[in-house]
Amino acid sequence: MDQNSEVRALLDQVRQGNLSVDQAMERLRIEPFEDLGYAKVDHHRAIRQGVPEVVYCAGKTPEQTAGITESLLKRSQANVLLTRATPAHFEAVRKVDDRAEFREMARCIVIHRDSTLYGLGTIMVLTGGTSDMPVAEEAAVTAETLGNKVERVYDVGVAGIHRLLSQSERIMRANVLIAVAGMEGALASVVAGLVDRPVIAVPTSVGYGANFGGLAALLTMINSCASGVSVVNIDNGFGAGYMAALINRPPRAGDQ
């Protein structure tokens, strides 16, 4: 059950007379955030944004990461996602919950508690080359953890465009596409020229000197002549997976 569902269940208890308004207010009052001293864990983020807080591990000690994870686990039944994690972070989190999984290539820790598919269709993650896979896996794991079906099509860059075209039927069935590429970053434009769905472009820092750590790919993607391309920051697989999950959501009740 996600956090919005928990709030609805709370309101239903009030409507049915099983819980007083004051009792419900007290339960909601303690929810907004929890001050751990080194972090203020945002427990209302799922209510505001539809997705619980995701933990960015870089710069945090394993102990801090474990404490934040424990706080999230106590207040929600949603999946927990931690990005840019190290083996040391994983060992600390696993002591809090032994269901924790370390996705080494993605540098993510996932605690799966909700297997519901919330997305309308398939999110497809493509890479220009094998070297782009760590960033692509961060995007894929993020989208999966947020309740989406994800397909992967890797190493289909423009240096051998026939590899991409051989997957055209699968590509055209996807509801949202994430194109991850370094070097000159041309993959996103080519993919967007094939489909009638949104393409999220992720420049990576893969490339030789004049790639400037991903800046060349970023500029190519921003200047794409194909319509329907949006661009996230260099190596930001998480941002792409998160955005794809938002796009893939069904409309809310009452939306026209």
C-alpha atoms as a PDB file:
ATOM      1  CA  MET A   1       0.000   0.000   0.000  1.00  0.00           C
ATOM      2  CA  ASP A   2       1.389   3.434  -0.895  1.00  0.00           C
ATOM      3  CA  GLN A   3       1.189   6.428   1.412  1.00  0.00           C
ATOM      4  CA  ASN A   4      -1.760   8.013  -0.386  1.00  0.00           C
ATOM      5  CA  SER A   5      -3.678   4.778   0.114  1.00  0.00           C
ATOM      6  CA  GLU A   6      -2.831   4.861   3.825  1.00  0.00           C
ATOM      7  CA  VAL A   7      -4.219   8.390   4.132  1.00  0.00           C
ATOM      8  CA  ARG A   8      -7.405   7.343   2.306  1.00  0.00           C
ATOM      9  CA  ALA A   9      -7.762   4.400   4.687  1.00  0.00           C
ATOM     10  CA  LEU A  10      -7.364   6.794   7.627  1.00  0.00           C
ATOM     11  CA  LEU A  11     -10.083   9.092   6.251  1.00  0.00           C
ATOM     12  CA  ASP A  12     -12.365   6.100   5.670  1.00  0.00           C
ATOM     13  CA  GLN A  13     -11.996   5.175   9.354  1.00  0.00           C
ATOM     14  CA  VAL A  14     -13.119   8.693  10.293  1.00  0.00           C
ATOM     15  CA  ARG A  15     -16.092   8.498   7.902  1.00  0.00           C
ATOM     16  CA  GLN A  16     -17.132   5.118   9.301  1.00  0.00           C
ATOM     17  CA  GLY A  17     -16.888   6.371  12.884  1.00  0.00           C
ATOM     18  CA  ASN A  18     -14.055   4.045  13.821  1.00  0.00           C
ATOM     19  CA  LEU A  19     -11.650   6.921  14.431  1.00  0.00           C
ATOM     20  CA  SER A  20     -12.300  10.392  15.815  1.00  0.00           C
ATOM     21  CA  VAL A  21     -11.269  13.547  13.988  1.00  0.00           C
ATOM     22  CA  ASP A  22      -8.849  14.354  16.824  1.00  0.00           C
ATOM     23  CA  GLN A  23      -7.262  10.910  16.597  1.00  0.00           C
ATOM     24  CA  ALA A  24      -6.841  11.275  12.845  1.00  0.00           C
ATOM     25  CA  MET A  25      -5.362  14.744  13.261  1.00  0.00           C
ATOM     26  CA  GLU A  26      -2.868  13.393  15.785  1.00  0.00           C
ATOM     27  CA  ARG A  27      -1.773  10.649  13.398  1.00  0.00           C
ATOM     28  CA  LEU A  28      -1.371  13.120  10.550  1.00  0.00           C
ATOM     29  CA  ARG A  29       0.397  15.659  12.772  1.00  0.00           C
ATOM     30  CA  ILE A  30       3.349  13.379  13.451  1.00  0.00           C
ATOM     31  CA  GLU A  31       3.726  12.374   9.816  1.00  0.00           C
ATOM     32  CA  PRO A  32       5.177  15.412   7.949  1.00  0.00           C
ATOM     33  CA  PHE A  33       8.822  14.785   8.790  1.00  0.00           C
ATOM     34  CA  GLU A  34      10.989  13.124  11.379  1.00  0.00           C
ATOM     35  CA  ASP A  35      14.030  14.973  12.691  1.00  0.00           C
ATOM     36  CA  LEU A  36      16.915  12.536  13.136  1.00  0.00           C
ATOM     37  CA  GLY A  37      19.384  15.301  13.922  1.00  0.00           C
ATOM     38  CA  TYR A  38      21.456  14.702  10.791  1.00  0.00           C
ATOM     39  CA  ALA A  39      18.408  14.457   8.489  1.00  0.00           C
ATOM     40  CA  LYS A  40      14.762  15.490   8.402  1.00  0.00           C
ATOM     41  CA  VAL A  41      13.000  12.570   6.765  1.00  0.00           C
ATOM     42  CA  ASP A  42      10.077  13.769   4.635  1.00  0.00           C
ATOM     43  CA  HIS A  43       7.193  11.382   5.312  1.00  0.00           C
ATOM     44  CA  HIS A  44       4.607  13.476   3.466  1.00  0.00           C
ATOM     45  CA  ARG A  45       6.435  13.486   0.157  1.00  0.00           C
ATOM     46  CA  ALA A  46       4.327  10.630  -1.194  1.00  0.00           C
ATOM     47  CA  ILE A  47       1.161  12.578  -0.394  1.00  0.00           C
ATOM     48  CA  ARG A  48       2.424  15.691  -2.186  1.00  0.00           C
ATOM     49  CA  GLN A  49       4.265  14.075  -5.081  1.00  0.00           C
ATOM     50  CA  GLY A  50       2.980  10.511  -5.244  1.00  0.00           C
ATOM     51  CA  VAL A  51       6.452   9.060  -4.642  1.00  0.00           C
ATOM     52  CA  PRO A  52       8.164   8.562  -1.254  1.00  0.00           C
ATOM     53  CA  GLU A  53      11.484  10.206  -0.471  1.00  0.00           C
ATOM     54  CA  VAL A  54      14.436   8.592  -2.244  1.00  0.00           C
ATOM     55  CA  VAL A  55      17.732   8.465  -0.332  1.00  0.00           C
ATOM     56  CA  TYR A  56      20.841   9.862  -2.042  1.00  0.00           C
ATOM     57  CA  CYS A  57      23.702   8.029  -0.324  1.00  0.00           C
ATOM     58  CA  ALA A  58      26.718   9.941  -1.629  1.00  0.00           C
ATOM     59  CA  GLY A  59      28.141  12.071   1.185  1.00  0.00           C
ATOM     60  CA  LYS A  60      26.187  10.192   3.853  1.00  0.00           C
ATOM     61  CA  THR A  61      27.793   7.738   6.245  1.00  0.00           C
ATOM     62  CA  PRO A  62      26.514   4.152   6.242  1.00  0.00           C
ATOM     63  CA  GLU A  63      25.069   4.769   9.711  1.00  0.00           C
ATOM     64  CA  GLN A  64      23.157   7.848   8.545  1.00  0.00           C
ATOM     65  CA  THR A  65      21.848   5.971   5.542  1.00  0.00           C
ATOM     66  CA  ALA A  66      20.658   3.104   7.717  1.00  0.00           C
ATOM     67  CA  GLY A  67      18.925   5.503  10.126  1.00  0.00           C
ATOM     68  CA  ILE A  68      17.044   7.260   7.322  1.00  0.00           C
ATOM     69  CA  THR A  69      16.040   3.905   5.850  1.00  0.00           C
ATOM     70  CA  GLU A  70      14.722   2.682   9.193  1.00  0.00           C
ATOM     71  CA  SER A  71      12.627   5.840   9.521  1.00  0.00           C
ATOM     72  CA  LEU A  72      11.127   5.370   6.041  1.00  0.00           C
ATOM     73  CA  LEU A  73      10.329   1.709   6.684  1.00  0.00           C
ATOM     74  CA  LYS A  74       8.410   2.515   9.869  1.00  0.00           C
ATOM     75  CA  ARG A  75       6.066   5.063   8.300  1.00  0.00           C
ATOM     76  CA  SER A  76       5.147   3.509   4.961  1.00  0.00           C
ATOM     77  CA  GLN A  77       4.670   0.221   3.144  1.00  0.00           C
ATOM     78  CA  ALA A  78       6.108   1.602  -0.104  1.00  0.00           C
ATOM     79  CA  ASN A  79       9.309   0.414  -1.741  1.00  0.00           C
ATOM     80  CA  VAL A  80      12.501   2.100  -0.543  1.00  0.00           C
ATOM     81  CA  LEU A  81      15.122   3.276  -3.036  1.00  0.00           C
ATOM     82  CA  LEU A  82      18.628   4.456  -2.218  1.00  0.00           C
ATOM     83  CA  THR A  83      20.842   5.793  -5.003  1.00  0.00           C
ATOM     84  CA  ARG A  84      24.614   6.255  -5.433  1.00  0.00           C
ATOM     85  CA  ALA A  85      25.208   3.630  -2.785  1.00  0.00           C
ATOM     86  CA  THR A  86      28.403   1.773  -1.935  1.00  0.00           C
ATOM     87  CA  PRO A  87      28.850  -1.736  -0.515  1.00  0.00           C
ATOM     88  CA  ALA A  88      29.364  -0.130   2.906  1.00  0.00           C
ATOM     89  CA  HIS A  89      25.977   1.602   2.644  1.00  0.00           C
ATOM     90  CA  PHE A  90      24.409  -1.699   1.641  1.00  0.00           C
ATOM     91  CA  GLU A  91      25.842  -3.598   4.581  1.00  0.00           C
ATOM     92  CA  ALA A  92      24.443  -1.006   6.980  1.00  0.00           C
ATOM     93  CA  VAL A  93      21.005  -0.997   5.331  1.00  0.00           C
ATOM     94  CA  ARG A  94      20.851  -4.791   5.224  1.00  0.00           C
ATOM     95  CA  LYS A  95      21.162  -4.834   9.019  1.00  0.00           C
ATOM     96  CA  VAL A  96      18.002  -2.728   9.162  1.00  0.00           C
ATOM     97  CA  ASP A  97      16.084  -4.905   6.672  1.00  0.00           C
ATOM     98  CA  ASP A  98      17.446  -8.154   5.271  1.00  0.00           C
ATOM     99  CA  ARG A  99      15.235  -7.802   2.185  1.00  0.00           C
ATOM    100  CA  ALA A 100      17.561  -5.079   0.914  1.00  0.00           C
ATOM    101  CA  GLU A 101      19.086  -5.796  -2.505  1.00  0.00           C
ATOM    102  CA  PHE A 102      22.235  -4.160  -3.847  1.00  0.00           C
ATOM    103  CA  ARG A 103      22.064  -3.443  -7.558  1.00  0.00           C
ATOM    104  CA  GLU A 104      25.779  -3.054  -8.044  1.00  0.00           C
ATOM    105  CA  MET A 105      25.852  -1.721 -11.601  1.00  0.00           C
ATOM    106  CA  ALA A 106      23.120   0.820 -10.844  1.00  0.00           C
ATOM    107  CA  ARG A 107      24.734   1.681  -7.481  1.00  0.00           C
ATOM    108  CA  CYS A 108      21.279   1.403  -5.945  1.00  0.00           C
ATOM    109  CA  ILE A 109      19.821  -0.323  -2.912  1.00  0.00           C
ATOM    110  CA  VAL A 110      16.212  -1.466  -3.194  1.00  0.00           C
ATOM    111  CA  ILE A 111      13.839  -2.777  -0.545  1.00  0.00           C
ATOM    112  CA  HIS A 112      10.830  -4.243  -2.358  1.00  0.00           C
ATOM    113  CA  ARG A 113       7.600  -4.325  -0.368  1.00  0.00           C
ATOM    114  CA  ASP A 114       5.029  -3.374  -2.985  1.00  0.00           C
ATOM    115  CA  SER A 115       4.904  -5.280  -6.290  1.00  0.00           C
ATOM    116  CA  THR A 116       1.995  -3.272  -7.718  1.00  0.00           C
ATOM    117  CA  LEU A 117       2.466  -1.970 -11.270  1.00  0.00           C
ATOM    118  CA  TYR A 118       1.335   1.651 -11.162  1.00  0.00           C
ATOM    119  CA  GLY A 119       2.483   2.547 -14.692  1.00  0.00           C
ATOM    120  CA  LEU A 120       0.171   2.460 -17.701  1.00  0.00           C
ATOM    121  CA  GLY A 121       2.638   0.935 -20.147  1.00  0.00           C
ATOM    122  CA  THR A 122       6.245  -0.044 -20.665  1.00  0.00           C
ATOM    123  CA  ILE A 123       9.233   2.204 -20.045  1.00  0.00           C
ATOM    124  CA  MET A 124      12.121   1.339 -22.348  1.00  0.00           C
ATOM    125  CA  VAL A 125      15.725   2.177 -21.493  1.00  0.00           C
ATOM    126  CA  LEU A 126      18.230   2.256 -24.354  1.00  0.00           C
ATOM    127  CA  THR A 127      21.964   2.879 -24.381  1.00  0.00           C
ATOM    128  CA  GLY A 128      24.367   3.942 -27.065  1.00  0.00           C
ATOM    129  CA  GLY A 129      27.053   1.590 -25.755  1.00  0.00           C
ATOM    130  CA  THR A 130      27.862  -0.904 -23.038  1.00  0.00           C
ATOM    131  CA  SER A 131      29.812   1.793 -21.178  1.00  0.00           C
ATOM    132  CA  ASP A 132      26.572   3.706 -20.650  1.00  0.00           C
ATOM    133  CA  MET A 133      24.937   0.822 -18.799  1.00  0.00           C
ATOM    134  CA  PRO A 134      25.606   1.971 -15.189  1.00  0.00           C
ATOM    135  CA  VAL A 135      23.628   5.176 -15.781  1.00  0.00           C
ATOM    136  CA  ALA A 136      20.954   3.270 -17.707  1.00  0.00           C
ATOM    137  CA  GLU A 137      20.607   0.748 -14.895  1.00  0.00           C
ATOM    138  CA  GLU A 138      20.103   3.557 -12.387  1.00  0.00           C
ATOM    139  CA  ALA A 139      17.229   4.791 -14.567  1.00  0.00           C
ATOM    140  CA  ALA A 140      15.775   1.303 -15.015  1.00  0.00           C
ATOM    141  CA  VAL A 141      15.974   0.371 -11.328  1.00  0.00           C
ATOM    142  CA  THR A 142      14.390   3.699 -10.360  1.00  0.00           C
ATOM    143  CA  ALA A 143      11.452   3.204 -12.730  1.00  0.00           C
ATOM    144  CA  GLU A 144      10.962  -0.410 -11.619  1.00  0.00           C
ATOM    145  CA  THR A 145      11.041   0.501  -7.931  1.00  0.00           C
ATOM    146  CA  LEU A 146       8.365   3.136  -8.567  1.00  0.00           C
ATOM    147  CA  GLY A 147       6.067   0.464  -9.979  1.00  0.00           C
ATOM    148  CA  ASN A 148       6.686   0.273 -13.713  1.00  0.00           C
ATOM    149  CA  LYS A 149       7.374  -2.434 -16.249  1.00  0.00           C
ATOM    150  CA  VAL A 150      10.802  -1.733 -17.761  1.00  0.00           C
ATOM    151  CA  GLU A 151      12.494  -3.163 -20.849  1.00  0.00           C
ATOM    152  CA  ARG A 152      16.177  -2.746 -21.635  1.00  0.00           C
ATOM    153  CA  VAL A 153      17.756  -2.392 -25.074  1.00  0.00           C
ATOM    154  CA  TYR A 154      21.489  -1.844 -24.648  1.00  0.00           C
ATOM    155  CA  ASP A 155      24.381  -1.146 -27.022  1.00  0.00           C
ATOM    156  CA  VAL A 156      22.341   0.156 -29.956  1.00  0.00           C
ATOM    157  CA  GLY A 157      24.217   3.382 -30.687  1.00  0.00           C
ATOM    158  CA  VAL A 158      24.477   5.195 -33.988  1.00  0.00           C
ATOM    159  CA  ALA A 159      27.907   3.726 -34.773  1.00  0.00           C
ATOM    160  CA  GLY A 160      25.946   0.649 -35.848  1.00  0.00           C
ATOM    161  CA  ILE A 161      22.454   1.995 -36.367  1.00  0.00           C
ATOM    162  CA  HIS A 162      21.181  -1.294 -37.774  1.00  0.00           C
ATOM    163  CA  ARG A 163      21.296  -2.609 -34.196  1.00  0.00           C
ATOM    164  CA  LEU A 164      18.756   0.026 -33.171  1.00  0.00           C
ATOM    165  CA  LEU A 165      16.554  -0.472 -36.220  1.00  0.00           C
ATOM    166  CA  SER A 166      16.386  -4.200 -35.565  1.00  0.00           C
ATOM    167  CA  GLN A 167      14.516  -3.328 -32.343  1.00  0.00           C
ATOM    168  CA  SER A 168      12.118  -0.857 -33.960  1.00  0.00           C
ATOM    169  CA  GLU A 169       8.937  -2.855 -33.280  1.00  0.00           C
ATOM    170  CA  ARG A 170       9.719  -3.109 -29.571  1.00  0.00           C
ATOM    171  CA  ILE A 171      10.754   0.532 -29.436  1.00  0.00           C
ATOM    172  CA  MET A 172       7.499   1.705 -30.992  1.00  0.00           C
ATOM    173  CA  ARG A 173       5.423  -0.213 -28.429  1.00  0.00           C
ATOM    174  CA  ALA A 174       6.990   1.584 -25.451  1.00  0.00           C
ATOM    175  CA  ASN A 175       5.007   4.256 -23.650  1.00  0.00           C
ATOM    176  CA  VAL A 176       8.058   6.268 -22.527  1.00  0.00           C
ATOM    177  CA  LEU A 177      11.665   5.909 -23.701  1.00  0.00           C
ATOM    178  CA  ILE A 178      14.925   6.796 -21.979  1.00  0.00           C
ATOM    179  CA  ALA A 179      17.925   7.205 -24.293  1.00  0.00           C
ATOM    180  CA  VAL A 180      21.264   7.054 -22.476  1.00  0.00           C
ATOM    181  CA  ALA A 181      24.392   7.951 -24.450  1.00  0.00           C
ATOM    182  CA  GLY A 182      27.818   9.514 -24.174  1.00  0.00           C
ATOM    183  CA  MET A 183      30.281  10.478 -26.936  1.00  0.00           C
ATOM    184  CA  GLU A 184      28.268  12.860 -29.173  1.00  0.00           C
ATOM    185  CA  GLY A 185      24.903  11.747 -27.696  1.00  0.00           C
ATOM    186  CA  ALA A 186      23.062  11.275 -30.996  1.00  0.00           C
ATOM    187  CA  LEU A 187      20.968   8.307 -29.851  1.00  0.00           C
ATOM    188  CA  ALA A 188      18.140  10.389 -28.379  1.00  0.00           C
ATOM    189  CA  SER A 189      17.503  12.262 -31.631  1.00  0.00           C
ATOM    190  CA  VAL A 190      17.397   9.055 -33.657  1.00  0.00           C
ATOM    191  CA  VAL A 191      15.025   7.355 -31.210  1.00  0.00           C
ATOM    192  CA  ALA A 192      12.746  10.389 -31.076  1.00  0.00           C
ATOM    193  CA  GLY A 193      12.569  10.360 -34.864  1.00  0.00           C
ATOM    194  CA  LEU A 194      11.087   6.857 -34.752  1.00  0.00           C
ATOM    195  CA  VAL A 195       8.377   7.118 -32.092  1.00  0.00           C
ATOM    196  CA  ASP A 196       5.273   9.076 -31.111  1.00  0.00           C
ATOM    197  CA  ARG A 197       6.073   8.920 -27.408  1.00  0.00           C
ATOM    198  CA  PRO A 198       8.170  11.108 -25.098  1.00  0.00           C
ATOM    199  CA  VAL A 199      11.922  10.495 -25.068  1.00  0.00           C
ATOM    200  CA  ILE A 200      14.010  11.385 -22.035  1.00  0.00           C
ATOM    201  CA  ALA A 201      17.647  11.911 -22.991  1.00  0.00           C
ATOM    202  CA  VAL A 202      20.440  11.192 -20.528  1.00  0.00           C
ATOM    203  CA  PRO A 203      23.931  12.385 -21.490  1.00  0.00           C
ATOM    204  CA  THR A 204      26.720  10.380 -19.901  1.00  0.00           C
ATOM    205  CA  SER A 205      30.309  11.293 -19.147  1.00  0.00           C
ATOM    206  CA  VAL A 206      31.506   8.456 -21.400  1.00  0.00           C
ATOM    207  CA  GLY A 207      33.810   9.725 -24.145  1.00  0.00           C
ATOM    208  CA  TYR A 208      37.211  11.050 -25.098  1.00  0.00           C
ATOM    209  CA  GLY A 209      38.640  14.460 -24.208  1.00  0.00           C
ATOM    210  CA  ALA A 210      36.437  16.701 -26.349  1.00  0.00           C
ATOM    211  CA  ASN A 211      33.386  15.042 -24.831  1.00  0.00           C
ATOM    212  CA  PHE A 212      34.204  17.280 -21.817  1.00  0.00           C
ATOM    213  CA  GLY A 213      32.824  14.841 -19.268  1.00  0.00           C
ATOM    214  CA  GLY A 214      29.426  14.599 -20.967  1.00  0.00           C
ATOM    215  CA  LEU A 215      29.030  18.247 -21.951  1.00  0.00           C
ATOM    216  CA  ALA A 216      29.212  17.455 -25.670  1.00  0.00           C
ATOM    217  CA  ALA A 217      26.449  14.853 -25.362  1.00  0.00           C
ATOM    218  CA  LEU A 218      24.384  17.225 -23.235  1.00  0.00           C
ATOM    219  CA  LEU A 219      24.586  19.988 -25.862  1.00  0.00           C
ATOM    220  CA  THR A 220      23.692  17.574 -28.654  1.00  0.00           C
ATOM    221  CA  MET A 221      20.626  16.389 -26.778  1.00  0.00           C
ATOM    222  CA  ILE A 222      19.482  19.894 -25.856  1.00  0.00           C
ATOM    223  CA  ASN A 223      19.827  20.906 -29.515  1.00  0.00           C
ATOM    224  CA  SER A 224      18.012  17.844 -30.866  1.00  0.00           C
ATOM    225  CA  CYS A 225      16.135  18.521 -34.095  1.00  0.00           C
ATOM    226  CA  ALA A 226      13.688  15.724 -33.244  1.00  0.00           C
ATOM    227  CA  SER A 227      10.575  16.781 -31.357  1.00  0.00           C
ATOM    228  CA  GLY A 228       9.550  15.212 -28.079  1.00  0.00           C
ATOM    229  CA  VAL A 229      12.988  15.088 -26.427  1.00  0.00           C
ATOM    230  CA  SER A 230      13.555  16.293 -22.879  1.00  0.00           C
ATOM    231  CA  VAL A 231      16.987  16.222 -21.258  1.00  0.00           C
ATOM    232  CA  VAL A 232      18.209  15.565 -17.721  1.00  0.00           C
ATOM    233  CA  ASN A 233      21.615  16.282 -16.254  1.00  0.00           C
ATOM    234  CA  ILE A 234      24.807  14.407 -17.096  1.00  0.00           C
ATOM    235  CA  ASP A 235      24.801  10.861 -15.658  1.00  0.00           C
ATOM    236  CA  ASN A 236      21.432  11.493 -13.977  1.00  0.00           C
ATOM    237  CA  GLY A 237      19.843   8.099 -14.496  1.00  0.00           C
ATOM    238  CA  PHE A 238      17.721   8.554 -11.382  1.00  0.00           C
ATOM    239  CA  GLY A 239      16.184  11.758 -12.704  1.00  0.00           C
ATOM    240  CA  ALA A 240      15.301  10.095 -15.998  1.00  0.00           C
ATOM    241  CA  GLY A 241      13.737   7.052 -14.336  1.00  0.00           C
ATOM    242  CA  TYR A 242      11.738   9.244 -11.973  1.00  0.00           C
ATOM    243  CA  MET A 243      10.467  11.473 -14.786  1.00  0.00           C
ATOM    244  CA  ALA A 244       9.537   8.449 -16.895  1.00  0.00           C
ATOM    245  CA  ALA A 245       7.550   7.039 -13.969  1.00  0.00           C
ATOM    246  CA  LEU A 246       5.609  10.304 -13.635  1.00  0.00           C
ATOM    247  CA  ILE A 247       4.806  10.355 -17.356  1.00  0.00           C
ATOM    248  CA  ASN A 248       3.718   6.714 -17.240  1.00  0.00           C
ATOM    249  CA  ARG A 249       1.225   7.258 -14.403  1.00  0.00           C
ATOM    250  CA  PRO A 250      -2.522   6.914 -14.966  1.00  0.00           C
ATOM    251  CA  PRO A 251      -4.575  10.103 -14.526  1.00  0.00           C
ATOM    252  CA  ARG A 252      -5.854  10.823 -11.051  1.00  0.00           C
ATOM    253  CA  ALA A 253      -9.504  10.270 -10.220  1.00  0.00           C
ATOM    254  CA  GLY A 254     -11.451  13.294 -11.404  1.00  0.00           C
ATOM    255  CA  ASP A 255      -8.861  14.386 -13.971  1.00  0.00           C
ATOM    256  CA  GLN A 256     -10.264  15.131 -17.412  1.00  0.00           C
END
